[in-house]
Protein backbone atom coordinates (compact mmCIF):
# COMPACT_ATOMS: atom_id res chain seq x y z
CA MET A 1 2.91 -9.35 20.84
CA ARG A 2 6.36 -7.91 21.06
CA VAL A 3 7.27 -5.85 18.28
CA ASP A 4 10.97 -6.64 18.53
CA LEU A 5 9.73 -10.31 17.22
CA PHE A 6 9.29 -8.89 13.89
CA ASP A 7 12.71 -7.43 13.45
CA PHE A 8 15.68 -8.37 10.99
CA ASP A 9 18.65 -7.32 9.51
CA LEU A 10 18.59 -6.15 6.08
CA PRO A 11 21.76 -4.99 4.03
CA GLU A 12 21.56 -1.68 2.37
CA GLU A 13 22.25 -3.23 -0.82
CA ASN A 14 19.01 -5.22 -0.88
CA ILE A 15 16.87 -1.90 -0.94
CA ALA A 16 15.83 -1.53 -4.47
CA LEU A 17 16.03 2.20 -5.83
CA ARG A 18 14.31 1.33 -9.58
CA PRO A 19 12.27 -1.23 -10.49
CA ALA A 20 13.08 -4.24 -12.80
CA ASN A 21 12.79 -3.71 -16.38
CA PRO A 22 10.62 -5.06 -18.21
CA ARG A 23 8.36 -5.11 -14.85
CA ASP A 24 7.55 -8.50 -14.94
CA SER A 25 11.18 -9.75 -14.80
CA ALA A 26 11.37 -9.11 -11.10
CA ARG A 27 12.32 -12.15 -9.06
CA LEU A 28 9.34 -14.20 -7.39
CA LEU A 29 9.83 -16.09 -4.06
CA VAL A 30 7.07 -18.60 -4.18
CA VAL A 31 6.21 -19.81 -0.51
CA ASP A 32 4.43 -22.83 0.23
CA ALA A 33 3.27 -22.78 3.81
CA SER A 34 0.69 -25.26 3.67
CA ALA A 35 3.31 -28.10 5.15
CA ASP A 36 6.83 -27.60 5.86
CA PRO A 37 7.91 -24.31 4.27
CA VAL A 38 9.14 -24.80 0.54
CA LEU A 39 10.63 -22.08 -1.04
CA SER A 40 11.00 -21.57 -4.88
CA ASP A 41 12.90 -18.81 -6.76
CA GLN A 42 10.95 -17.84 -9.91
CA ARG A 43 10.35 -14.63 -11.73
CA VAL A 44 6.72 -12.76 -11.73
CA SER A 45 6.33 -13.65 -15.40
CA ASP A 46 6.21 -17.29 -14.22
CA LEU A 47 3.16 -16.34 -11.85
CA VAL A 48 0.71 -18.31 -14.34
CA GLU A 49 2.25 -21.54 -13.50
CA PHE A 50 1.26 -21.14 -10.15
CA LEU A 51 -2.46 -20.62 -10.53
CA LYS A 52 -5.39 -22.78 -11.66
CA PRO A 53 -8.17 -22.11 -14.10
CA GLY A 54 -10.95 -20.51 -12.14
CA ASP A 55 -8.76 -18.67 -9.63
CA ALA A 56 -9.34 -15.00 -9.02
CA LEU A 57 -6.54 -12.12 -8.68
CA VAL A 58 -7.97 -9.41 -6.97
CA PHE A 59 -5.98 -6.08 -7.77
CA ASN A 60 -6.28 -2.58 -6.04
CA ASP A 61 -7.01 -0.03 -9.06
CA THR A 62 -6.19 3.13 -6.76
CA LYS A 63 -4.11 5.81 -8.45
CA VAL A 64 -1.17 7.77 -6.97
CA ILE A 65 -1.82 11.11 -6.90
CA PRO A 66 1.21 13.88 -6.24
CA ALA A 67 0.47 14.23 -2.52
CA GLN A 68 3.59 15.79 -1.40
CA LEU A 69 2.97 19.71 -1.31
CA GLU A 70 5.48 22.17 -0.40
CA GLY A 71 4.53 25.55 0.89
CA VAL A 72 4.78 28.40 3.03
CA ARG A 73 2.84 28.93 6.58
CA HIS A 74 1.66 32.24 7.42
CA ARG A 75 0.21 33.45 10.80
CA GLU A 76 -0.65 36.72 12.14
CA GLY A 77 2.33 38.55 13.81
CA ALA A 78 4.99 35.62 12.45
CA GLY A 79 6.67 35.52 9.06
CA GLY A 80 6.42 32.81 6.58
CA GLN A 81 7.83 29.40 7.26
CA GLN A 82 8.78 26.48 4.91
CA VAL A 83 6.53 23.58 5.41
CA SER A 84 5.84 20.16 3.82
CA ALA A 85 2.55 18.32 3.85
CA THR A 86 1.95 14.79 2.76
CA LEU A 87 -1.67 14.40 1.98
CA HIS A 88 -3.14 10.91 3.13
CA MET A 89 -6.67 10.64 3.39
CA ARG A 90 -9.67 12.78 1.91
CA THR A 91 -12.67 13.61 4.43
CA GLU A 92 -14.81 16.15 2.55
CA PRO A 93 -14.64 17.42 -1.11
CA ASP A 94 -12.39 20.26 0.30
CA VAL A 95 -10.74 18.52 3.19
CA TRP A 96 -7.45 16.40 3.69
CA LYS A 97 -5.69 15.07 6.35
CA ALA A 98 -2.08 15.29 6.04
CA PHE A 99 1.39 14.62 7.89
CA ALA A 100 3.22 18.03 8.04
CA ARG A 101 6.69 18.88 8.71
CA PRO A 102 7.74 20.77 10.97
CA GLY A 103 4.56 19.56 12.67
CA LYS A 104 5.27 21.02 16.06
CA ARG A 105 5.08 24.77 14.87
CA ILE A 106 2.06 24.41 13.00
CA LYS A 107 -0.86 25.68 14.83
CA ILE A 108 -4.78 25.51 14.31
CA GLY A 109 -5.70 28.62 12.02
CA ASP A 110 -2.50 28.72 10.27
CA ARG A 111 -2.77 29.61 6.74
CA ILE A 112 -0.68 27.68 4.17
CA GLU A 113 0.18 28.67 0.81
CA PHE A 114 1.27 25.70 -1.71
CA GLY A 115 3.12 26.24 -4.78
CA ASP A 116 3.97 29.29 -6.86
CA LEU A 117 2.23 32.60 -5.83
CA GLY A 118 -0.01 30.66 -3.33
CA SER A 119 -1.92 28.87 -6.42
CA LEU A 120 -3.13 26.39 -3.73
CA SER A 121 -4.07 27.63 -0.10
CA ALA A 122 -5.38 25.82 2.92
CA THR A 123 -6.55 26.58 6.62
CA VAL A 124 -5.22 24.24 9.45
CA GLU A 125 -8.57 23.20 11.06
CA ASP A 126 -7.16 20.48 13.48
CA LYS A 127 -3.93 19.10 14.64
CA GLY A 128 -3.50 15.43 15.98
CA GLU A 129 -0.34 13.50 16.95
CA GLY A 130 2.80 12.66 14.98
CA GLY A 131 2.46 15.79 12.86
CA GLU A 132 -1.05 15.21 11.59
CA VAL A 133 -3.12 17.96 10.75
CA THR A 134 -6.47 18.64 9.08
CA LEU A 135 -6.24 20.92 5.94
CA ARG A 136 -9.45 22.80 4.50
CA PHE A 137 -8.60 24.06 1.11
CA ASP A 138 -9.94 27.14 -0.54
CA LEU A 139 -10.80 24.99 -3.50
CA SER A 140 -12.97 21.58 -3.76
CA GLY A 141 -13.86 18.75 -5.70
CA PRO A 142 -12.39 18.77 -9.14
CA ALA A 143 -10.75 22.03 -8.97
CA LEU A 144 -8.83 20.90 -5.85
CA ASP A 145 -7.82 17.83 -7.72
CA GLU A 146 -6.52 19.88 -10.34
CA ALA A 147 -4.48 22.23 -8.25
CA ILE A 148 -3.07 19.17 -6.25
CA LEU A 149 -2.07 17.66 -9.76
CA SER A 150 -0.56 20.99 -10.58
CA VAL A 151 1.66 21.85 -7.58
CA GLY A 152 2.15 18.41 -6.04
CA HIS A 153 4.65 15.53 -6.55
CA ILE A 154 4.96 11.96 -5.96
CA PRO A 155 5.92 11.28 -2.51
CA LEU A 156 8.57 8.62 -2.82
CA PRO A 157 8.94 6.16 0.19
CA PRO A 158 11.26 7.68 2.83
CA TYR A 159 13.67 4.82 2.04
CA ILE A 160 14.14 5.88 -1.52
CA ALA A 161 13.88 9.65 -1.21
CA ALA A 162 16.71 9.65 1.26
CA LYS A 163 19.02 8.04 -1.38
CA ARG A 164 17.83 10.08 -4.45
CA PRO A 165 15.44 12.61 -5.76
CA GLU A 166 12.26 12.09 -7.26
CA ASP A 167 12.44 12.22 -11.11
CA ALA A 168 10.12 12.27 -14.33
CA GLN A 169 10.68 8.31 -14.55
CA ASP A 170 9.08 7.87 -11.15
CA ALA A 171 5.81 9.27 -12.41
CA LYS A 172 5.67 6.24 -14.64
CA ASP A 173 7.15 3.74 -12.74
CA TYR A 174 5.44 4.26 -9.57
CA GLN A 175 1.90 3.43 -11.03
CA THR A 176 0.32 0.34 -12.06
CA ILE A 177 -0.77 -0.13 -15.48
CA TYR A 178 -4.36 -0.52 -14.42
CA ALA A 179 -4.43 2.50 -12.11
CA ARG A 180 -7.82 4.43 -12.27
CA GLU A 181 -9.16 5.91 -9.16
CA GLN A 182 -7.17 8.70 -7.99
CA GLY A 183 -6.39 9.12 -4.39
CA ALA A 184 -3.62 7.24 -3.24
CA VAL A 185 -0.53 8.40 -1.36
CA ALA A 186 1.52 5.46 -2.04
CA ALA A 187 1.37 2.77 -4.80
CA PRO A 188 -0.10 -0.87 -4.17
CA THR A 189 3.47 -1.98 -5.05
CA ALA A 190 2.77 -5.73 -5.76
CA GLY A 191 0.82 -4.63 -8.69
CA LEU A 192 3.74 -2.62 -10.05
CA HIS A 193 5.03 -5.98 -11.50
CA PHE A 194 2.15 -6.63 -14.22
CA THR A 195 2.44 -5.83 -17.83
CA PRO A 196 0.02 -6.27 -20.62
CA ASP A 197 1.63 -9.50 -21.55
CA LEU A 198 1.19 -10.94 -18.18
CA PHE A 199 -2.24 -10.13 -18.14
CA ALA A 200 -3.05 -11.58 -21.61
CA ARG A 201 -1.27 -15.05 -20.40
CA LEU A 202 -3.29 -15.01 -17.35
CA ASP A 203 -6.27 -14.67 -19.27
CA ALA A 204 -5.30 -17.65 -21.67
CA ALA A 205 -4.85 -19.57 -18.54
CA GLY A 206 -8.39 -18.80 -17.25
CA VAL A 207 -7.66 -16.78 -14.13
CA GLU A 208 -9.96 -14.02 -13.51
CA ARG A 209 -9.30 -10.88 -12.77
CA HIS A 210 -11.11 -8.42 -10.44
CA PHE A 211 -10.83 -4.74 -8.97
CA VAL A 212 -11.23 -3.17 -5.73
CA THR A 213 -10.12 0.16 -4.31
CA LEU A 214 -8.21 1.26 -1.48
CA HIS A 215 -6.60 4.45 -1.29
CA VAL A 216 -3.20 3.76 0.45
CA GLY A 217 -2.19 6.31 3.07
CA ALA A 218 0.98 7.75 4.10
CA GLY A 219 0.38 5.85 7.40
CA THR A 220 1.94 2.91 5.35
CA PHE A 221 5.32 4.37 5.68
CA LEU A 222 5.25 5.27 9.51
CA PRO A 223 7.53 3.12 11.70
CA MET A 224 5.92 1.56 14.80
CA LYS A 225 6.74 3.55 18.05
CA VAL A 226 5.66 0.96 20.55
CA ASP A 227 6.98 -2.05 21.98
CA ASP A 228 3.72 -4.24 21.97
CA THR A 229 1.58 -4.70 18.85
CA GLU A 230 -1.57 -4.18 21.39
CA ASP A 231 -0.54 -0.39 21.78
CA HIS A 232 -0.45 0.21 18.06
CA LYS A 233 -3.10 2.23 16.07
CA MET A 234 -3.45 1.90 12.68
CA HIS A 235 -4.14 4.89 10.25
CA GLN A 236 -7.23 4.48 8.36
CA GLU A 237 -7.59 4.18 4.81
CA ILE A 238 -10.70 4.62 2.19
CA GLY A 239 -11.60 1.73 0.43
CA TYR A 240 -14.53 0.16 -1.47
CA VAL A 241 -15.79 -3.16 -2.87
CA SER A 242 -18.58 -3.12 -5.55
CA ALA A 243 -21.60 -5.38 -5.46
CA GLU A 244 -20.47 -6.86 -8.68
CA THR A 245 -16.99 -7.64 -7.41
CA ALA A 246 -18.19 -9.35 -4.45
CA GLN A 247 -20.82 -11.30 -6.39
CA HIS A 248 -18.14 -12.51 -8.59
CA LEU A 249 -15.58 -13.18 -5.86
CA ASN A 250 -18.28 -15.27 -4.03
CA ALA A 251 -18.95 -17.23 -7.05
CA VAL A 252 -15.11 -18.25 -7.35
CA ARG A 253 -15.30 -19.17 -3.79
CA ALA A 254 -18.46 -21.33 -4.35
CA ARG A 255 -17.05 -23.44 -7.15
CA GLY A 256 -13.38 -23.97 -5.45
CA GLY A 257 -11.53 -21.14 -6.91
CA ARG A 258 -8.90 -19.49 -5.03
CA ILE A 259 -8.91 -15.81 -3.94
CA VAL A 260 -5.41 -14.48 -4.74
CA CYS A 261 -4.72 -10.99 -3.37
CA VAL A 262 -2.20 -8.82 -5.22
CA GLY A 263 -0.75 -6.70 -2.61
CA THR A 264 -1.49 -6.23 1.25
CA THR A 265 -3.81 -3.32 0.24
CA SER A 266 -6.36 -5.49 -1.47
CA LEU A 267 -5.95 -8.25 1.16
CA ARG A 268 -6.76 -5.57 3.98
CA LEU A 269 -9.97 -4.52 2.10
CA ILE A 270 -11.09 -7.89 1.23
CA GLU A 271 -10.85 -9.31 4.83
CA SER A 272 -12.53 -5.81 5.91
CA ALA A 273 -15.65 -6.74 3.66
CA ALA A 274 -15.70 -10.46 4.74
CA ALA A 275 -18.23 -11.90 6.94
CA ASP A 276 -17.30 -14.58 9.44
CA ASP A 277 -18.18 -17.29 7.04
CA GLY A 278 -16.03 -15.79 4.16
CA THR A 279 -18.67 -14.17 2.16
CA ILE A 280 -17.41 -11.16 0.64
CA LEU A 281 -19.89 -8.45 1.02
CA PRO A 282 -20.35 -4.93 -0.88
CA TRP A 283 -18.19 -2.38 1.26
CA SER A 284 -17.64 1.20 1.43
CA GLY A 285 -15.69 3.10 3.97
CA ALA A 286 -12.63 3.48 6.22
CA THR A 287 -10.43 0.38 7.41
CA GLY A 288 -7.75 0.37 9.83
CA ILE A 289 -7.71 -3.04 10.05
CA PHE A 290 -4.44 -4.44 11.74
CA ILE A 291 -3.61 -8.19 11.13
CA THR A 292 -1.07 -9.74 13.35
CA PRO A 293 -0.33 -13.54 13.89
CA GLY A 294 -3.42 -15.20 15.37
CA TYR A 295 -5.73 -13.57 12.91
CA ARG A 296 -8.09 -15.74 11.28
CA PHE A 297 -8.34 -15.28 7.52
CA LYS A 298 -11.80 -15.30 6.22
CA ALA A 299 -11.76 -15.01 2.37
CA VAL A 300 -8.09 -14.71 1.20
CA ASP A 301 -6.26 -18.02 -0.03
CA MET A 302 -3.13 -16.52 -1.47
CA LEU A 303 -1.03 -13.54 -1.48
CA MET A 304 1.35 -11.56 -3.71
CA THR A 305 3.46 -9.10 -1.99
CA ASN A 306 6.82 -7.25 -2.08
CA PHE A 307 9.34 -7.52 0.56
CA HIS A 308 8.41 -5.31 3.76
CA LEU A 309 10.50 -3.32 6.17
CA PRO A 310 11.37 -4.81 9.69
CA LYS A 311 8.93 -4.21 12.49
CA SER A 312 6.38 -3.14 10.07
CA THR A 313 2.80 -3.78 10.16
CA LEU A 314 3.05 -5.31 6.78
CA PHE A 315 5.68 -8.11 7.87
CA MET A 316 3.23 -8.62 10.72
CA LEU A 317 0.48 -9.06 8.23
CA VAL A 318 2.49 -11.87 6.21
CA SER A 319 3.88 -13.52 9.28
CA ALA A 320 0.28 -13.86 10.11
CA PHE A 321 -0.58 -15.23 6.81
CA CYS A 322 2.20 -17.88 6.59
CA GLY A 323 3.51 -18.03 10.19
CA LEU A 324 6.14 -15.85 11.78
CA GLY A 325 9.01 -18.77 11.60
CA THR A 326 8.09 -19.40 7.73
CA MET A 327 8.30 -15.61 6.99
CA ARG A 328 11.75 -15.45 8.94
CA GLU A 329 12.97 -18.23 6.77
CA ALA A 330 11.79 -16.91 3.50
CA TYR A 331 12.98 -13.32 4.23
CA ALA A 332 16.57 -14.78 5.11
CA HIS A 333 16.68 -16.76 2.07
CA ALA A 334 15.72 -13.77 0.11
CA ILE A 335 18.27 -11.72 1.69
CA SER A 336 21.33 -14.20 1.20
CA SER A 337 20.05 -14.74 -2.35
CA GLY A 338 20.10 -11.00 -3.36
CA TYR A 339 16.23 -10.17 -3.57
CA ARG A 340 15.65 -6.61 -3.83
CA PHE A 341 13.28 -5.30 -1.09
CA TYR A 342 10.58 -2.59 -0.74
CA SER A 343 8.48 -0.75 -3.48
CA TYR A 344 10.54 -1.10 -6.29
CA GLY A 345 11.70 -4.53 -5.32
CA ASP A 346 10.92 -8.03 -6.03
CA SER A 347 7.88 -9.75 -4.94
CA SER A 348 6.63 -13.04 -3.22
CA LEU A 349 3.67 -15.57 -3.73
CA LEU A 350 2.58 -16.77 -0.35
CA SER A 351 0.07 -19.66 0.35
CA ARG A 352 -2.18 -19.31 3.47
CA ASN A 353 -1.03 -21.49 6.49
CA ASP A 354 -4.15 -22.56 8.39
CA ARG A 355 -2.26 -24.82 10.71
């Protein structure tokens, strides 16, 4: 499909630079795509009214790490040069893939010292396209984790970082209340809206809560550089669905409950783990699933997700879930009604369109 089919105009004032406070006071656009689209303006705190006893919410419990590293590149016969690296996928205890700037000047064999006095050092082992490099660090395992926590900082999405610097509040705001598995470069942002009070009310309503892990990579921020979706290559992300979680979700489906994914990351992982008949299997590994209109969803019935960038893979995903025409109508309504977009913005609750 042509990428420009997924373009739309978004005024600057619709881009959120801070989250709603409290978190569940954010607006929620409910989109019923099962027939002619029906749009309903609500609040995230109203979510319980649109779910039924026996439904299951699926959350991504990944935890954002301070994956933005600033350092100095060293090479024999050349002076030091300032570089910036955004870690996006760990492949070994001492190896991370990263996006580096200025990428064109970095070569295999370069040494990079991050932090004060070179407290964290790495060697460039490989170099790919678009500024991607493979870094082998001098530290490994938990020692490397501690060093990254010490010298790194939260990589705010570029549409926020371009307008204001990161601050101490972001360390709290850009993390879900249930985050526990360290490894994400970006937050699963639909989950940022949940509060202990909302969890308590969902529990009281008989809505189940289950967790999977997908470590969101920096590739989620990359713009598409092709004209046709067939030519786009998704960056892979590491994820896990436990046997226990798979068993619980299959039981939900068997008794007629709905699988409601909180965020596109949990949806992409569940669809990666699902068999053709919709059975969810235990799963572990890297997924590069790319969902565009025409994709047949196997297991997910509803999706809660924030509002996405024009021409992004995530706007393509929601268009596959509800229909491109429906999502164009929903986004036009959201923009004209003052909904706040992107990571710190408002959210939507989408029902799947199987027509």
